[in-house]
């Protein structure tokens, strides 16, 4: 009798594990992810220039009331590349927004670990509109990890050294698949104090 029930039990366990795998939610579903390069940097040092600090402060209003085409929304998740020996700029770029809103600022994943960040966003609840501050040399890898095309968004598939005022907008459908990608200019007036 036990030998006849064993195949049924195995089939049930396989079916249950397949159903559980299929029902695992993808938290990028119906998300719009925004990606910026960290704000302006000095020739030497790990921090921001006065202009970079001004951009970081301007992001408080800009991203709390973000508009793109007919869509208007407020950021509800903050992610920055982890501090390194050379730079704290991704985190410093989002610090004013973090301080103003009280949103948690996630900054433990290094910018050379793009697939790890995307995996975290897919498996961890974070809101519908996460904002990511990253190092420009690693943004093409981040875009690829999301399924976007650096060649379609960036000149020569690279983020230019001198550019600090772009936002990449990635929209994901109800299954978590990327369904649109766009590069926009911030149109912010930045004046250091």
C-alpha atoms as a PDB file:
ATOM      1  CA  UNK A   1       0.000   0.000   0.000  1.00  0.00           C
ATOM      2  CA  UNK A   2       2.808   2.414   0.956  1.00  0.00           C
ATOM      3  CA  UNK A   3       4.577   1.803  -2.350  1.00  0.00           C
ATOM      4  CA  UNK A   4       1.388   2.716  -4.232  1.00  0.00           C
ATOM      5  CA  UNK A   5       0.983   5.975  -2.287  1.00  0.00           C
ATOM      6  CA  UNK A   6       4.599   7.084  -2.724  1.00  0.00           C
ATOM      7  CA  UNK A   7       4.244   8.132  -6.417  1.00  0.00           C
ATOM      8  CA  UNK A   8       1.063  10.069  -5.550  1.00  0.00           C
ATOM      9  CA  UNK A   9       2.824  11.855  -2.671  1.00  0.00           C
ATOM     10  CA  UNK A  10       5.810  12.735  -4.889  1.00  0.00           C
ATOM     11  CA  UNK A  11       3.505  14.066  -7.615  1.00  0.00           C
ATOM     12  CA  UNK A  12       1.678  16.178  -5.015  1.00  0.00           C
ATOM     13  CA  UNK A  13       4.947  17.643  -3.673  1.00  0.00           C
ATOM     14  CA  UNK A  14       6.176  18.493  -7.181  1.00  0.00           C
ATOM     15  CA  UNK A  15       2.841  20.129  -7.998  1.00  0.00           C
ATOM     16  CA  UNK A  16       2.869  22.133  -4.748  1.00  0.00           C
ATOM     17  CA  UNK A  17       6.442  23.394  -5.270  1.00  0.00           C
ATOM     18  CA  UNK A  18       5.673  24.366  -8.897  1.00  0.00           C
ATOM     19  CA  UNK A  19       2.563  26.269  -7.786  1.00  0.00           C
ATOM     20  CA  UNK A  20       4.540  28.045  -5.047  1.00  0.00           C
ATOM     21  CA  UNK A  21       7.244  29.035  -7.557  1.00  0.00           C
ATOM     22  CA  UNK A  22       4.625  30.359  -9.972  1.00  0.00           C
ATOM     23  CA  UNK A  23       2.856  32.378  -7.273  1.00  0.00           C
ATOM     24  CA  UNK A  24       6.002  34.157  -6.036  1.00  0.00           C
ATOM     25  CA  UNK A  25       5.287  37.814  -6.784  1.00  0.00           C
ATOM     26  CA  UNK A  26       7.597  39.942  -8.900  1.00  0.00           C
ATOM     27  CA  UNK A  27       7.737  43.268  -7.078  1.00  0.00           C
ATOM     28  CA  UNK A  28       8.829  45.074 -10.263  1.00  0.00           C
ATOM     29  CA  UNK A  29       5.384  44.367 -11.725  1.00  0.00           C
ATOM     30  CA  UNK A  30       3.579  47.637 -12.560  1.00  0.00           C
ATOM     31  CA  UNK A  31       6.599  49.646 -11.368  1.00  0.00           C
ATOM     32  CA  UNK A  32       8.230  52.700 -12.840  1.00  0.00           C
ATOM     33  CA  UNK A  33      11.917  52.750 -11.928  1.00  0.00           C
ATOM     34  CA  UNK A  34      13.906  55.979 -12.188  1.00  0.00           C
ATOM     35  CA  UNK A  35      17.687  55.985 -12.471  1.00  0.00           C
ATOM     36  CA  UNK A  36      19.971  58.992 -12.060  1.00  0.00           C
ATOM     37  CA  UNK A  37      23.676  59.448 -12.004  1.00  0.00           C
ATOM     38  CA  UNK A  38      24.986  60.772  -8.698  1.00  0.00           C
ATOM     39  CA  UNK A  39      25.254  64.579  -8.567  1.00  0.00           C
ATOM     40  CA  UNK A  40      28.315  66.619  -9.554  1.00  0.00           C
ATOM     41  CA  UNK A  41      31.686  65.540  -8.247  1.00  0.00           C
ATOM     42  CA  UNK A  42      34.940  67.359  -7.499  1.00  0.00           C
ATOM     43  CA  UNK A  43      38.210  66.567  -9.270  1.00  0.00           C
ATOM     44  CA  UNK A  44      39.403  64.983  -6.024  1.00  0.00           C
ATOM     45  CA  UNK A  45      37.451  63.671  -3.069  1.00  0.00           C
ATOM     46  CA  UNK A  46      34.565  61.335  -2.267  1.00  0.00           C
ATOM     47  CA  UNK A  47      31.812  63.923  -1.824  1.00  0.00           C
ATOM     48  CA  UNK A  48      29.757  66.288  -3.974  1.00  0.00           C
ATOM     49  CA  UNK A  49      30.661  69.739  -5.248  1.00  0.00           C
ATOM     50  CA  UNK A  50      28.521  72.702  -4.092  1.00  0.00           C
ATOM     51  CA  UNK A  51      26.620  72.346  -7.374  1.00  0.00           C
ATOM     52  CA  UNK A  52      26.139  68.631  -6.683  1.00  0.00           C
ATOM     53  CA  UNK A  53      24.828  69.412  -3.195  1.00  0.00           C
ATOM     54  CA  UNK A  54      22.416  71.909  -4.761  1.00  0.00           C
ATOM     55  CA  UNK A  55      21.198  69.249  -7.227  1.00  0.00           C
ATOM     56  CA  UNK A  56      20.690  66.789  -4.357  1.00  0.00           C
ATOM     57  CA  UNK A  57      18.592  69.396  -2.498  1.00  0.00           C
ATOM     58  CA  UNK A  58      16.605  70.186  -5.661  1.00  0.00           C
ATOM     59  CA  UNK A  59      15.748  66.481  -5.990  1.00  0.00           C
ATOM     60  CA  UNK A  60      13.572  66.780  -2.875  1.00  0.00           C
ATOM     61  CA  UNK A  61      10.865  68.712  -4.727  1.00  0.00           C
ATOM     62  CA  UNK A  62      11.628  67.301  -8.163  1.00  0.00           C
ATOM     63  CA  UNK A  63      11.125  63.647  -7.247  1.00  0.00           C
ATOM     64  CA  UNK A  64       8.348  64.106  -4.711  1.00  0.00           C
ATOM     65  CA  UNK A  65       6.224  65.513  -7.549  1.00  0.00           C
ATOM     66  CA  UNK A  66       7.728  63.817 -10.589  1.00  0.00           C
ATOM     67  CA  UNK A  67       5.953  64.235 -13.946  1.00  0.00           C
ATOM     68  CA  UNK A  68       6.558  62.277 -17.109  1.00  0.00           C
ATOM     69  CA  UNK A  69       4.146  62.770 -19.991  1.00  0.00           C
ATOM     70  CA  UNK A  70       0.666  62.406 -18.456  1.00  0.00           C
ATOM     71  CA  UNK A  71       1.887  60.453 -15.446  1.00  0.00           C
ATOM     72  CA  UNK A  72       2.510  62.172 -12.126  1.00  0.00           C
ATOM     73  CA  UNK A  73       3.831  60.314  -9.111  1.00  0.00           C
ATOM     74  CA  UNK A  74       6.015  60.557  -6.047  1.00  0.00           C
ATOM     75  CA  UNK A  75       9.036  58.389  -5.398  1.00  0.00           C
ATOM     76  CA  UNK A  76       8.376  55.739  -2.750  1.00  0.00           C
ATOM     77  CA  UNK A  77      11.677  53.830  -2.633  1.00  0.00           C
ATOM     78  CA  UNK A  78      15.290  55.041  -2.469  1.00  0.00           C
ATOM     79  CA  UNK A  79      18.333  53.037  -3.595  1.00  0.00           C
ATOM     80  CA  UNK A  80      21.920  54.247  -3.901  1.00  0.00           C
ATOM     81  CA  UNK A  81      25.141  52.506  -4.772  1.00  0.00           C
ATOM     82  CA  UNK A  82      27.124  51.612  -1.665  1.00  0.00           C
ATOM     83  CA  UNK A  83      29.901  53.901  -0.462  1.00  0.00           C
ATOM     84  CA  UNK A  84      33.354  52.984  -1.742  1.00  0.00           C
ATOM     85  CA  UNK A  85      36.879  54.173  -1.006  1.00  0.00           C
ATOM     86  CA  UNK A  86      36.581  56.574  -3.949  1.00  0.00           C
ATOM     87  CA  UNK A  87      33.022  57.854  -3.584  1.00  0.00           C
ATOM     88  CA  UNK A  88      30.014  58.383  -1.343  1.00  0.00           C
ATOM     89  CA  UNK A  89      28.257  60.378  -4.064  1.00  0.00           C
ATOM     90  CA  UNK A  90      25.353  58.035  -4.962  1.00  0.00           C
ATOM     91  CA  UNK A  91      24.208  58.006  -1.322  1.00  0.00           C
ATOM     92  CA  UNK A  92      24.877  61.729  -0.798  1.00  0.00           C
ATOM     93  CA  UNK A  93      22.753  62.500  -3.869  1.00  0.00           C
ATOM     94  CA  UNK A  94      19.668  60.966  -2.217  1.00  0.00           C
ATOM     95  CA  UNK A  95      20.364  61.971   1.407  1.00  0.00           C
ATOM     96  CA  UNK A  96      18.272  65.201   1.258  1.00  0.00           C
ATOM     97  CA  UNK A  97      15.301  63.286  -0.205  1.00  0.00           C
ATOM     98  CA  UNK A  98      15.717  60.642   2.495  1.00  0.00           C
ATOM     99  CA  UNK A  99      15.898  63.313   5.241  1.00  0.00           C
ATOM    100  CA  UNK A 100      12.884  65.194   3.886  1.00  0.00           C
ATOM    101  CA  UNK A 101      10.591  62.202   3.383  1.00  0.00           C
ATOM    102  CA  UNK A 102      11.801  59.775   6.046  1.00  0.00           C
ATOM    103  CA  UNK A 103      11.947  57.028   3.407  1.00  0.00           C
ATOM    104  CA  UNK A 104      14.553  54.381   4.052  1.00  0.00           C
ATOM    105  CA  UNK A 105      17.658  54.825   1.893  1.00  0.00           C
ATOM    106  CA  UNK A 106      18.993  51.425   0.806  1.00  0.00           C
ATOM    107  CA  UNK A 107      22.710  51.711   0.082  1.00  0.00           C
ATOM    108  CA  UNK A 108      24.334  48.347   0.746  1.00  0.00           C
ATOM    109  CA  UNK A 109      24.704  47.078  -2.825  1.00  0.00           C
ATOM    110  CA  UNK A 110      27.747  48.220  -4.781  1.00  0.00           C
ATOM    111  CA  UNK A 111      27.369  49.688  -8.241  1.00  0.00           C
ATOM    112  CA  UNK A 112      29.315  46.777  -9.725  1.00  0.00           C
ATOM    113  CA  UNK A 113      26.547  44.462  -8.461  1.00  0.00           C
ATOM    114  CA  UNK A 114      23.697  45.561 -10.740  1.00  0.00           C
ATOM    115  CA  UNK A 115      22.088  42.096 -11.070  1.00  0.00           C
ATOM    116  CA  UNK A 116      21.966  41.877  -7.265  1.00  0.00           C
ATOM    117  CA  UNK A 117      20.056  45.173  -7.009  1.00  0.00           C
ATOM    118  CA  UNK A 118      17.568  44.088  -9.684  1.00  0.00           C
ATOM    119  CA  UNK A 119      17.085  40.751  -7.899  1.00  0.00           C
ATOM    120  CA  UNK A 120      16.394  42.607  -4.651  1.00  0.00           C
ATOM    121  CA  UNK A 121      13.814  44.836  -6.351  1.00  0.00           C
ATOM    122  CA  UNK A 122      12.130  41.786  -7.868  1.00  0.00           C
ATOM    123  CA  UNK A 123      11.933  39.866  -4.573  1.00  0.00           C
ATOM    124  CA  UNK A 124      11.455  42.594  -1.938  1.00  0.00           C
ATOM    125  CA  UNK A 125       8.505  44.947  -1.598  1.00  0.00           C
ATOM    126  CA  UNK A 126       9.608  48.551  -2.201  1.00  0.00           C
ATOM    127  CA  UNK A 127       6.710  50.607  -3.519  1.00  0.00           C
ATOM    128  CA  UNK A 128       5.798  51.369  -7.145  1.00  0.00           C
ATOM    129  CA  UNK A 129       8.252  54.175  -7.918  1.00  0.00           C
ATOM    130  CA  UNK A 130      11.805  53.441  -6.765  1.00  0.00           C
ATOM    131  CA  UNK A 131      14.585  55.939  -7.483  1.00  0.00           C
ATOM    132  CA  UNK A 132      18.148  54.681  -7.954  1.00  0.00           C
ATOM    133  CA  UNK A 133      21.318  56.810  -7.748  1.00  0.00           C
ATOM    134  CA  UNK A 134      24.261  55.013  -9.396  1.00  0.00           C
ATOM    135  CA  UNK A 135      27.781  55.666 -10.696  1.00  0.00           C
ATOM    136  CA  UNK A 136      27.657  56.626 -14.371  1.00  0.00           C
ATOM    137  CA  UNK A 137      30.191  54.048 -15.544  1.00  0.00           C
ATOM    138  CA  UNK A 138      27.991  51.277 -14.152  1.00  0.00           C
ATOM    139  CA  UNK A 139      24.619  52.568 -15.389  1.00  0.00           C
ATOM    140  CA  UNK A 140      24.841  50.617 -18.693  1.00  0.00           C
ATOM    141  CA  UNK A 141      25.232  47.372 -16.689  1.00  0.00           C
ATOM    142  CA  UNK A 142      22.305  48.363 -14.475  1.00  0.00           C
ATOM    143  CA  UNK A 143      20.140  49.005 -17.533  1.00  0.00           C
ATOM    144  CA  UNK A 144      21.050  45.599 -18.972  1.00  0.00           C
ATOM    145  CA  UNK A 145      20.217  43.916 -15.656  1.00  0.00           C
ATOM    146  CA  UNK A 146      16.733  45.466 -15.887  1.00  0.00           C
ATOM    147  CA  UNK A 147      16.382  44.240 -19.482  1.00  0.00           C
ATOM    148  CA  UNK A 148      16.816  47.719 -21.001  1.00  0.00           C
ATOM    149  CA  UNK A 149      19.093  48.648 -23.905  1.00  0.00           C
ATOM    150  CA  UNK A 150      21.972  51.040 -23.140  1.00  0.00           C
ATOM    151  CA  UNK A 151      22.520  51.406 -26.909  1.00  0.00           C
ATOM    152  CA  UNK A 152      18.963  52.734 -27.374  1.00  0.00           C
ATOM    153  CA  UNK A 153      19.076  55.080 -24.373  1.00  0.00           C
ATOM    154  CA  UNK A 154      22.637  56.413 -24.187  1.00  0.00           C
ATOM    155  CA  UNK A 155      25.046  57.788 -26.803  1.00  0.00           C
ATOM    156  CA  UNK A 156      27.410  54.958 -27.760  1.00  0.00           C
ATOM    157  CA  UNK A 157      25.739  52.927 -24.956  1.00  0.00           C
ATOM    158  CA  UNK A 158      27.619  54.953 -22.314  1.00  0.00           C
ATOM    159  CA  UNK A 159      26.646  57.675 -19.855  1.00  0.00           C
ATOM    160  CA  UNK A 160      28.838  60.692 -20.761  1.00  0.00           C
ATOM    161  CA  UNK A 161      31.341  61.876 -18.124  1.00  0.00           C
ATOM    162  CA  UNK A 162      30.071  65.462 -18.167  1.00  0.00           C
ATOM    163  CA  UNK A 163      26.314  64.715 -17.912  1.00  0.00           C
ATOM    164  CA  UNK A 164      24.527  64.891 -14.541  1.00  0.00           C
ATOM    165  CA  UNK A 165      20.999  65.946 -15.540  1.00  0.00           C
ATOM    166  CA  UNK A 166      19.444  62.876 -17.133  1.00  0.00           C
ATOM    167  CA  UNK A 167      16.824  60.515 -15.734  1.00  0.00           C
ATOM    168  CA  UNK A 168      16.222  57.054 -17.146  1.00  0.00           C
ATOM    169  CA  UNK A 169      12.582  55.994 -16.824  1.00  0.00           C
ATOM    170  CA  UNK A 170      11.874  52.263 -16.994  1.00  0.00           C
ATOM    171  CA  UNK A 171       8.296  51.008 -16.860  1.00  0.00           C
ATOM    172  CA  UNK A 172       7.432  47.368 -16.124  1.00  0.00           C
ATOM    173  CA  UNK A 173       4.185  45.625 -17.053  1.00  0.00           C
ATOM    174  CA  UNK A 174       1.941  43.536 -14.789  1.00  0.00           C
ATOM    175  CA  UNK A 175       4.255  40.523 -15.150  1.00  0.00           C
ATOM    176  CA  UNK A 176       7.425  42.451 -14.246  1.00  0.00           C
ATOM    177  CA  UNK A 177       8.677  42.601 -17.833  1.00  0.00           C
ATOM    178  CA  UNK A 178      10.156  45.865 -19.085  1.00  0.00           C
ATOM    179  CA  UNK A 179       7.660  47.448 -21.472  1.00  0.00           C
ATOM    180  CA  UNK A 180       9.128  50.927 -22.017  1.00  0.00           C
ATOM    181  CA  UNK A 181      12.387  52.797 -21.561  1.00  0.00           C
ATOM    182  CA  UNK A 182      13.058  56.492 -21.921  1.00  0.00           C
ATOM    183  CA  UNK A 183      15.793  59.032 -21.250  1.00  0.00           C
ATOM    184  CA  UNK A 184      14.664  62.501 -20.156  1.00  0.00           C
ATOM    185  CA  UNK A 185      16.398  65.732 -19.149  1.00  0.00           C
ATOM    186  CA  UNK A 186      15.674  67.016 -15.650  1.00  0.00           C
ATOM    187  CA  UNK A 187      15.197  70.688 -16.595  1.00  0.00           C
ATOM    188  CA  UNK A 188      16.294  71.779 -13.133  1.00  0.00           C
ATOM    189  CA  UNK A 189      17.892  75.116 -12.384  1.00  0.00           C
ATOM    190  CA  UNK A 190      20.803  74.322 -10.082  1.00  0.00           C
ATOM    191  CA  UNK A 191      22.464  77.155  -8.200  1.00  0.00           C
ATOM    192  CA  UNK A 192      24.844  76.332  -5.342  1.00  0.00           C
ATOM    193  CA  UNK A 193      24.214  78.148  -2.058  1.00  0.00           C
END
